[in-house]
N, C-alpha and C. Protein backbone atom coordinates (compact mmCIF):
# COMPACT_ATOMS: atom_id res chain seq x y z
N MET A 1 0.84 -1.17 0.00
CA MET A 1 0.00 0.00 0.00
C MET A 1 0.89 1.24 0.00
N ALA A 2 0.52 2.21 -0.83
CA ALA A 2 1.33 3.41 -0.98
C ALA A 2 1.00 4.38 0.14
N GLU A 3 2.05 4.89 0.74
CA GLU A 3 1.87 5.85 1.82
C GLU A 3 1.70 7.24 1.19
N THR A 4 0.78 8.06 1.76
CA THR A 4 0.55 9.40 1.22
C THR A 4 1.37 10.41 2.00
N TYR A 5 1.89 11.35 1.26
CA TYR A 5 2.68 12.43 1.84
C TYR A 5 2.00 13.76 1.55
N TYR A 6 2.20 14.69 2.46
CA TYR A 6 1.55 15.99 2.35
C TYR A 6 2.59 17.11 2.33
N THR A 7 2.34 18.10 1.48
CA THR A 7 3.21 19.28 1.45
C THR A 7 2.70 20.30 2.48
N ILE A 8 3.50 21.31 2.71
CA ILE A 8 3.10 22.36 3.65
C ILE A 8 1.83 23.07 3.15
N LYS A 9 1.74 23.26 1.87
CA LYS A 9 0.56 23.91 1.28
C LYS A 9 -0.69 23.07 1.54
N GLU A 10 -0.60 21.76 1.37
CA GLU A 10 -1.75 20.89 1.61
C GLU A 10 -2.14 20.89 3.09
N LEU A 11 -1.15 20.87 3.98
CA LEU A 11 -1.44 20.93 5.41
C LEU A 11 -2.09 22.26 5.79
N ALA A 12 -1.63 23.33 5.17
CA ALA A 12 -2.21 24.65 5.43
C ALA A 12 -3.65 24.71 4.96
N ASP A 13 -3.94 24.11 3.81
CA ASP A 13 -5.31 24.08 3.31
C ASP A 13 -6.21 23.28 4.24
N ILE A 14 -5.71 22.16 4.76
CA ILE A 14 -6.51 21.34 5.68
C ILE A 14 -6.79 22.11 6.97
N ALA A 15 -5.77 22.82 7.48
CA ALA A 15 -5.93 23.56 8.74
C ALA A 15 -6.68 24.87 8.53
N GLY A 16 -6.79 25.32 7.30
CA GLY A 16 -7.50 26.57 7.01
C GLY A 16 -6.66 27.79 7.33
N THR A 17 -5.38 27.71 7.06
CA THR A 17 -4.48 28.84 7.32
C THR A 17 -3.58 29.04 6.12
N SER A 18 -2.66 29.99 6.24
CA SER A 18 -1.78 30.25 5.11
C SER A 18 -0.56 29.33 5.16
N LYS A 19 0.10 29.25 4.03
CA LYS A 19 1.28 28.42 3.91
C LYS A 19 2.41 28.95 4.81
N VAL A 20 2.53 30.26 4.90
CA VAL A 20 3.58 30.87 5.71
C VAL A 20 3.36 30.57 7.19
N THR A 21 2.11 30.67 7.64
CA THR A 21 1.80 30.39 9.04
C THR A 21 2.10 28.93 9.37
N MET A 22 1.74 28.05 8.47
CA MET A 22 1.99 26.62 8.68
C MET A 22 3.50 26.36 8.72
N PHE A 23 4.26 26.97 7.83
CA PHE A 23 5.71 26.78 7.81
C PHE A 23 6.34 27.27 9.12
N ARG A 24 5.89 28.43 9.59
CA ARG A 24 6.43 28.97 10.85
C ARG A 24 6.10 28.06 12.03
N TYR A 25 4.89 27.51 12.06
CA TYR A 25 4.50 26.61 13.15
C TYR A 25 5.36 25.35 13.14
N ILE A 26 5.57 24.77 11.97
CA ILE A 26 6.39 23.55 11.86
C ILE A 26 7.83 23.84 12.28
N LYS A 27 8.34 24.98 11.87
CA LYS A 27 9.70 25.35 12.22
C LYS A 27 9.82 25.61 13.73
N GLN A 28 8.80 26.25 14.32
CA GLN A 28 8.82 26.56 15.75
C GLN A 28 8.79 25.27 16.57
N LYS A 29 8.02 24.29 16.15
CA LYS A 29 7.89 23.02 16.87
C LYS A 29 8.99 22.02 16.49
N SER A 30 9.88 22.41 15.60
CA SER A 30 11.01 21.57 15.15
C SER A 30 10.55 20.21 14.65
N ILE A 31 9.54 20.22 13.80
CA ILE A 31 9.05 18.99 13.19
C ILE A 31 9.76 18.84 11.85
N HIS A 32 10.45 17.71 11.69
CA HIS A 32 11.24 17.49 10.47
C HIS A 32 10.41 16.73 9.45
N GLU A 33 10.69 16.99 8.19
CA GLU A 33 9.96 16.35 7.11
C GLU A 33 10.33 14.87 7.01
N THR A 34 9.40 14.10 6.48
CA THR A 34 9.64 12.68 6.28
C THR A 34 10.46 12.47 5.01
N LYS A 35 10.11 13.19 3.98
CA LYS A 35 10.81 13.10 2.70
C LYS A 35 11.05 14.51 2.20
N HIS A 36 12.01 14.56 1.30
CA HIS A 36 12.32 15.84 0.67
C HIS A 36 12.35 15.59 -0.83
N LYS A 37 11.42 16.18 -1.57
CA LYS A 37 11.34 15.95 -3.02
C LYS A 37 11.47 17.31 -3.70
N GLY A 38 12.59 17.56 -4.35
CA GLY A 38 12.84 18.84 -4.98
C GLY A 38 12.96 19.90 -3.90
N ASN A 39 12.16 20.93 -4.00
CA ASN A 39 12.14 21.99 -2.99
C ASN A 39 11.03 21.77 -1.97
N ALA A 40 10.24 20.73 -2.12
CA ALA A 40 9.09 20.51 -1.26
C ALA A 40 9.44 19.57 -0.12
N ASN A 41 9.00 19.95 1.08
CA ASN A 41 9.11 19.08 2.25
C ASN A 41 7.82 18.26 2.33
N LEU A 42 7.95 16.97 2.47
CA LEU A 42 6.79 16.09 2.51
C LEU A 42 6.68 15.47 3.90
N TYR A 43 5.44 15.38 4.40
CA TYR A 43 5.17 14.85 5.73
C TYR A 43 4.21 13.68 5.61
N ASP A 44 4.44 12.62 6.41
CA ASP A 44 3.57 11.44 6.36
C ASP A 44 2.36 11.64 7.25
N GLU A 45 1.52 10.59 7.36
CA GLU A 45 0.26 10.66 8.11
C GLU A 45 0.49 10.93 9.59
N ALA A 46 1.50 10.33 10.18
CA ALA A 46 1.74 10.51 11.62
C ALA A 46 2.13 11.97 11.92
N LYS A 47 3.02 12.53 11.12
CA LYS A 47 3.43 13.91 11.34
C LYS A 47 2.30 14.88 10.98
N LYS A 48 1.50 14.49 10.00
CA LYS A 48 0.35 15.32 9.65
C LYS A 48 -0.61 15.44 10.83
N SER A 49 -0.93 14.31 11.47
CA SER A 49 -1.85 14.35 12.61
C SER A 49 -1.23 15.11 13.78
N LEU A 50 0.08 14.99 14.00
CA LEU A 50 0.77 15.72 15.06
C LEU A 50 0.71 17.23 14.80
N ILE A 51 0.99 17.61 13.57
CA ILE A 51 0.97 19.04 13.21
C ILE A 51 -0.44 19.60 13.34
N LEU A 52 -1.44 18.91 12.79
CA LEU A 52 -2.80 19.43 12.81
C LEU A 52 -3.37 19.46 14.24
N LYS A 53 -3.02 18.43 15.06
CA LYS A 53 -3.50 18.40 16.44
C LYS A 53 -2.96 19.61 17.21
N GLY A 54 -1.67 19.86 17.08
CA GLY A 54 -1.07 21.01 17.76
C GLY A 54 -1.54 22.33 17.19
N PHE A 55 -1.72 22.38 15.90
CA PHE A 55 -2.16 23.62 15.26
C PHE A 55 -3.60 23.94 15.63
N ILE A 56 -4.48 22.94 15.68
CA ILE A 56 -5.88 23.16 16.04
C ILE A 56 -5.98 23.58 17.50
N ARG A 57 -5.19 23.00 18.40
CA ARG A 57 -5.20 23.36 19.80
C ARG A 57 -4.74 24.82 19.96
N LYS A 58 -3.74 25.20 19.18
CA LYS A 58 -3.25 26.57 19.21
C LYS A 58 -4.35 27.53 18.76
N ASP A 59 -5.08 27.16 17.71
CA ASP A 59 -6.15 28.01 17.20
C ASP A 59 -7.29 28.13 18.20
N ALA A 60 -7.64 27.08 18.91
CA ALA A 60 -8.75 27.11 19.86
C ALA A 60 -8.45 28.07 21.00
N SER A 61 -7.23 28.06 21.50
CA SER A 61 -6.89 28.97 22.59
C SER A 61 -6.85 30.41 22.11
N SER A 62 -6.37 30.62 20.90
CA SER A 62 -6.30 31.99 20.39
C SER A 62 -7.70 32.52 20.09
N VAL A 63 -8.63 31.65 19.72
CA VAL A 63 -9.99 32.08 19.45
C VAL A 63 -10.65 32.57 20.74
N SER A 64 -10.48 31.84 21.83
CA SER A 64 -11.10 32.27 23.09
C SER A 64 -10.47 33.56 23.59
N GLU A 65 -9.15 33.70 23.40
CA GLU A 65 -8.49 34.95 23.79
C GLU A 65 -8.99 36.10 22.92
N THR A 66 -9.17 35.84 21.64
CA THR A 66 -9.64 36.86 20.73
C THR A 66 -11.05 37.31 21.10
N ILE A 67 -11.92 36.38 21.43
CA ILE A 67 -13.29 36.72 21.81
C ILE A 67 -13.28 37.56 23.09
N HIS A 68 -12.45 37.17 24.06
CA HIS A 68 -12.36 37.93 25.32
C HIS A 68 -11.84 39.33 25.05
N ASP A 69 -10.78 39.44 24.23
CA ASP A 69 -10.22 40.75 23.89
C ASP A 69 -11.22 41.61 23.14
N GLU A 70 -11.99 41.00 22.24
CA GLU A 70 -12.97 41.74 21.47
C GLU A 70 -14.10 42.26 22.34
N SER A 71 -14.53 41.47 23.33
CA SER A 71 -15.60 41.94 24.20
C SER A 71 -15.13 43.11 25.05
N GLU A 72 -13.89 43.07 25.52
CA GLU A 72 -13.33 44.21 26.26
C GLU A 72 -13.23 45.44 25.35
N LEU A 73 -12.81 45.20 24.13
CA LEU A 73 -12.68 46.29 23.17
C LEU A 73 -14.04 46.91 22.86
N VAL A 74 -15.06 46.08 22.70
CA VAL A 74 -16.40 46.58 22.42
C VAL A 74 -16.90 47.43 23.59
N GLN A 75 -16.68 46.95 24.82
CA GLN A 75 -17.10 47.72 26.00
C GLN A 75 -16.38 49.07 26.06
N GLU A 76 -15.08 49.07 25.78
CA GLU A 76 -14.31 50.31 25.78
C GLU A 76 -14.82 51.27 24.71
N LEU A 77 -15.10 50.75 23.53
CA LEU A 77 -15.61 51.59 22.45
C LEU A 77 -16.99 52.15 22.79
N LYS A 78 -17.84 51.36 23.44
CA LYS A 78 -19.15 51.86 23.84
C LYS A 78 -19.02 52.99 24.85
N SER A 79 -18.11 52.84 25.81
CA SER A 79 -17.94 53.91 26.80
C SER A 79 -17.39 55.17 26.13
N GLN A 80 -16.50 55.00 25.16
CA GLN A 80 -15.98 56.16 24.44
C GLN A 80 -17.08 56.84 23.63
N LEU A 81 -17.96 56.06 23.04
CA LEU A 81 -19.07 56.62 22.27
C LEU A 81 -20.00 57.44 23.17
N LYS A 82 -20.28 56.93 24.37
CA LYS A 82 -21.12 57.68 25.30
C LYS A 82 -20.46 59.00 25.67
N ALA A 83 -19.15 58.96 25.93
CA ALA A 83 -18.44 60.19 26.28
C ALA A 83 -18.49 61.18 25.12
N LYS A 84 -18.31 60.70 23.91
CA LYS A 84 -18.35 61.58 22.74
C LYS A 84 -19.74 62.15 22.52
N ASP A 85 -20.78 61.35 22.79
CA ASP A 85 -22.15 61.85 22.65
C ASP A 85 -22.41 63.00 23.62
N THR A 86 -21.94 62.87 24.86
CA THR A 86 -22.12 63.97 25.82
C THR A 86 -21.32 65.19 25.40
N GLN A 87 -20.13 64.99 24.87
CA GLN A 87 -19.33 66.12 24.39
C GLN A 87 -20.03 66.83 23.23
N ILE A 88 -20.61 66.07 22.34
CA ILE A 88 -21.32 66.66 21.19
C ILE A 88 -22.54 67.44 21.68
N ALA A 89 -23.27 66.90 22.65
CA ALA A 89 -24.43 67.61 23.19
C ALA A 89 -23.99 68.92 23.85
N ASP A 90 -22.88 68.88 24.60
CA ASP A 90 -22.37 70.11 25.22
C ASP A 90 -21.98 71.13 24.17
N LEU A 91 -21.34 70.69 23.11
CA LEU A 91 -20.93 71.60 22.04
C LEU A 91 -22.14 72.22 21.34
N HIS A 92 -23.20 71.43 21.16
CA HIS A 92 -24.41 71.98 20.54
C HIS A 92 -25.02 73.06 21.42
N SER A 93 -25.03 72.85 22.73
CA SER A 93 -25.60 73.88 23.61
C SER A 93 -24.73 75.13 23.59
N ILE A 94 -23.42 74.98 23.53
CA ILE A 94 -22.53 76.14 23.46
C ILE A 94 -22.75 76.89 22.15
N ILE A 95 -22.93 76.16 21.06
CA ILE A 95 -23.16 76.80 19.76
C ILE A 95 -24.48 77.58 19.79
N LYS A 96 -25.52 77.00 20.38
CA LYS A 96 -26.80 77.70 20.47
C LYS A 96 -26.67 78.98 21.30
N GLN A 97 -25.95 78.89 22.42
CA GLN A 97 -25.76 80.06 23.27
C GLN A 97 -24.98 81.14 22.53
N ASN A 98 -23.93 80.75 21.83
CA ASN A 98 -23.14 81.72 21.07
C ASN A 98 -23.96 82.34 19.94
N GLN A 99 -24.83 81.57 19.32
CA GLN A 99 -25.68 82.10 18.26
C GLN A 99 -26.66 83.13 18.82
N ARG A 100 -27.21 82.82 20.01
CA ARG A 100 -28.11 83.77 20.66
C ARG A 100 -27.38 85.08 20.97
N LEU A 101 -26.16 84.96 21.51
CA LEU A 101 -25.39 86.16 21.83
C LEU A 101 -25.05 86.96 20.58
N LEU A 102 -24.73 86.26 19.49
CA LEU A 102 -24.43 86.94 18.24
C LEU A 102 -25.65 87.68 17.71
N ASP A 103 -26.81 87.06 17.80
CA ASP A 103 -28.04 87.73 17.37
C ASP A 103 -28.30 88.98 18.19
N GLN A 104 -28.11 88.88 19.51
CA GLN A 104 -28.31 90.04 20.37
C GLN A 104 -27.33 91.15 20.03
N GLN A 105 -26.10 90.79 19.77
CA GLN A 105 -25.09 91.79 19.41
C GLN A 105 -25.44 92.47 18.09
N GLN A 106 -25.90 91.70 17.12
CA GLN A 106 -26.28 92.29 15.84
C GLN A 106 -27.47 93.23 15.99
N GLN A 107 -28.44 92.83 16.82
CA GLN A 107 -29.59 93.71 17.05
C GLN A 107 -29.16 95.00 17.74
N LEU A 108 -28.25 94.88 18.69
CA LEU A 108 -27.75 96.06 19.40
C LEU A 108 -26.99 96.97 18.44
N ASN A 109 -26.16 96.40 17.58
CA ASN A 109 -25.44 97.20 16.59
C ASN A 109 -26.40 97.89 15.63
N LEU A 110 -27.44 97.20 15.22
CA LEU A 110 -28.43 97.79 14.32
C LEU A 110 -29.14 98.96 14.99
N ALA A 111 -29.52 98.77 16.23
CA ALA A 111 -30.20 99.85 16.96
C ALA A 111 -29.26 101.04 17.13
N THR A 112 -28.01 100.78 17.44
CA THR A 112 -27.03 101.86 17.61
C THR A 112 -26.80 102.59 16.30
N ASN A 113 -26.72 101.86 15.19
CA ASN A 113 -26.54 102.49 13.88
C ASN A 113 -27.74 103.35 13.51
N ARG A 114 -28.94 102.91 13.83
CA ARG A 114 -30.14 103.70 13.55
C ARG A 114 -30.14 105.00 14.35
N GLN A 115 -29.74 104.88 15.63
CA GLN A 115 -29.66 106.09 16.45
C GLN A 115 -28.61 107.05 15.92
N ASN A 116 -27.47 106.52 15.50
CA ASN A 116 -26.42 107.36 14.94
C ASN A 116 -26.89 108.06 13.66
N GLU A 117 -27.61 107.33 12.81
CA GLU A 117 -28.12 107.93 11.58
C GLU A 117 -29.11 109.05 11.90
N LYS A 118 -29.97 108.84 12.88
CA LYS A 118 -30.92 109.88 13.27
C LYS A 118 -30.20 111.11 13.77
N LEU A 119 -29.15 110.89 14.57
CA LEU A 119 -28.39 112.02 15.09
C LEU A 119 -27.64 112.75 13.98
N LEU A 120 -27.12 112.03 13.02
CA LEU A 120 -26.37 112.66 11.92
C LEU A 120 -27.29 113.36 10.94
N ASN A 121 -28.48 112.85 10.74
CA ASN A 121 -29.41 113.45 9.78
C ASN A 121 -30.08 114.71 10.31
N THR A 122 -30.23 114.87 11.61
CA THR A 122 -30.84 116.10 12.15
C THR A 122 -29.75 117.14 12.31
N PRO A 123 -29.87 118.27 11.62
CA PRO A 123 -28.83 119.30 11.72
C PRO A 123 -28.88 119.96 13.08
N GLN A 124 -27.72 120.12 13.65
CA GLN A 124 -27.61 120.81 14.94
C GLN A 124 -26.82 122.07 14.72
N LYS A 125 -27.42 123.18 15.04
CA LYS A 125 -26.78 124.46 14.78
C LYS A 125 -26.04 124.91 16.03
N THR A 126 -24.85 125.36 15.78
CA THR A 126 -24.07 125.95 16.86
C THR A 126 -24.13 127.46 16.72
N SER A 127 -23.57 128.18 17.63
CA SER A 127 -23.61 129.64 17.58
C SER A 127 -22.83 130.18 16.39
N GLU A 128 -21.76 129.50 15.99
CA GLU A 128 -20.98 129.95 14.82
C GLU A 128 -21.79 129.80 13.55
N ASP A 129 -22.53 128.69 13.42
CA ASP A 129 -23.32 128.44 12.22
C ASP A 129 -24.43 129.47 12.08
N VAL A 130 -25.03 129.82 13.18
CA VAL A 130 -26.13 130.77 13.13
C VAL A 130 -25.63 132.14 12.70
N SER A 131 -24.48 132.53 13.18
CA SER A 131 -23.97 133.85 12.81
C SER A 131 -23.45 133.87 11.38
N LYS A 132 -22.99 132.75 10.88
CA LYS A 132 -22.43 132.70 9.53
C LYS A 132 -23.52 132.68 8.48
N ASP A 133 -24.51 131.86 8.64
CA ASP A 133 -25.54 131.73 7.62
C ASP A 133 -26.82 131.27 8.27
N ASP A 134 -27.93 131.66 7.71
CA ASP A 134 -29.20 131.24 8.27
C ASP A 134 -29.83 130.09 7.47
N THR A 135 -29.04 129.42 6.64
CA THR A 135 -29.56 128.28 5.90
C THR A 135 -29.35 127.01 6.71
N ASP A 136 -30.03 125.95 6.28
CA ASP A 136 -29.93 124.68 7.00
C ASP A 136 -28.68 123.89 6.62
N VAL A 137 -28.10 124.20 5.47
CA VAL A 137 -26.97 123.42 4.99
C VAL A 137 -25.70 123.99 5.60
N LEU A 138 -24.91 123.13 6.22
CA LEU A 138 -23.68 123.58 6.87
C LEU A 138 -22.54 123.71 5.87
N GLU A 139 -22.28 122.68 5.11
CA GLU A 139 -21.17 122.66 4.14
C GLU A 139 -21.68 122.04 2.85
N PRO A 140 -21.22 122.51 1.72
CA PRO A 140 -21.61 121.84 0.47
C PRO A 140 -20.93 120.46 0.40
N THR A 141 -21.70 119.48 -0.01
CA THR A 141 -21.15 118.12 -0.07
C THR A 141 -21.52 117.47 -1.39
N GLY A 142 -20.77 116.46 -1.75
CA GLY A 142 -21.10 115.61 -2.89
C GLY A 142 -21.00 116.32 -4.22
N ASP A 143 -22.02 116.18 -5.06
CA ASP A 143 -22.04 116.73 -6.41
C ASP A 143 -22.30 118.24 -6.42
N HIS A 144 -22.76 118.80 -5.32
CA HIS A 144 -23.10 120.21 -5.27
C HIS A 144 -21.89 121.09 -4.99
N TYR A 145 -20.76 120.54 -4.81
CA TYR A 145 -19.56 121.30 -4.48
C TYR A 145 -19.00 121.95 -5.74
N LYS A 146 -18.76 123.27 -5.74
CA LYS A 146 -18.31 123.96 -6.94
C LYS A 146 -16.95 124.62 -6.74
N GLY A 147 -16.24 124.16 -5.74
CA GLY A 147 -14.93 124.74 -5.48
C GLY A 147 -13.87 124.14 -6.38
N GLU A 148 -12.64 124.63 -6.24
CA GLU A 148 -11.55 124.10 -7.05
C GLU A 148 -11.08 122.77 -6.49
N GLU A 149 -10.73 121.90 -7.39
CA GLU A 149 -10.17 120.63 -6.97
C GLU A 149 -8.67 120.77 -6.88
N VAL A 150 -8.12 120.26 -5.84
CA VAL A 150 -6.67 120.31 -5.66
C VAL A 150 -6.12 118.98 -6.10
N LYS A 151 -5.27 119.01 -7.13
CA LYS A 151 -4.69 117.78 -7.64
C LYS A 151 -3.36 117.56 -6.96
N THR A 152 -3.18 116.36 -6.52
CA THR A 152 -1.89 116.01 -5.93
C THR A 152 -1.04 115.42 -7.04
N PRO A 153 0.22 115.79 -7.09
CA PRO A 153 1.06 115.23 -8.14
C PRO A 153 1.25 113.74 -7.93
N LYS A 154 1.19 113.01 -9.04
CA LYS A 154 1.34 111.57 -8.96
C LYS A 154 2.79 111.23 -8.81
N LYS A 155 3.03 110.26 -7.96
CA LYS A 155 4.40 109.84 -7.73
C LYS A 155 4.71 108.67 -8.64
N GLY A 156 5.96 108.52 -8.96
CA GLY A 156 6.38 107.42 -9.79
C GLY A 156 7.49 107.85 -10.71
N LEU A 157 7.92 106.96 -11.52
CA LEU A 157 9.05 107.21 -12.40
C LEU A 157 8.70 108.25 -13.46
N PHE A 158 7.50 108.15 -14.05
CA PHE A 158 7.11 109.06 -15.11
C PHE A 158 6.07 110.07 -14.61
N GLY A 159 6.03 110.36 -13.34
CA GLY A 159 5.10 111.31 -12.79
C GLY A 159 5.32 112.71 -13.30
N TRP A 160 6.55 113.06 -13.61
CA TRP A 160 6.83 114.40 -14.10
C TRP A 160 6.27 114.63 -15.49
N LEU A 161 5.96 113.55 -16.24
CA LEU A 161 5.37 113.68 -17.57
C LEU A 161 3.89 114.07 -17.49
N ARG A 162 3.24 113.79 -16.43
CA ARG A 162 1.79 113.99 -16.33
C ARG A 162 1.44 115.42 -15.92
N ARG A 163 2.39 116.30 -15.66
CA ARG A 163 2.09 117.63 -15.19
C ARG A 163 1.48 118.49 -16.24
């Protein structure tokens, strides 16, 4: 009867892991190949069962550790989420308060500007104005000004050409 031999790739497929992981496990446990054909290490049935038994036991312990670690991680993440939710709620209340203050400030500025406009639009006569002229207009402004314009000389390299 012909004895069957298994390569590292075949053992990895049976165990459901990668070839590299299987190779590292075999090397760590110092399990030697039964035959060597070309570049492939071949293992018989006895070594196959030894490798798979040890590899499956290793996986079972790591699975329970992983589940325990994941449950701790989930609890930690949930507590962090609760903390972030409270921080977000606090920030929303601060934003609302700041918005209210900004609205109040804008209303106050608007009221102040209206009062300033009223004060500027009503002419106030002083004793000098009354003695100088009895009209309501204090100084000519805007398009109604008919005085001479004073031109300032332009500065620059060719400013003397513009005179």
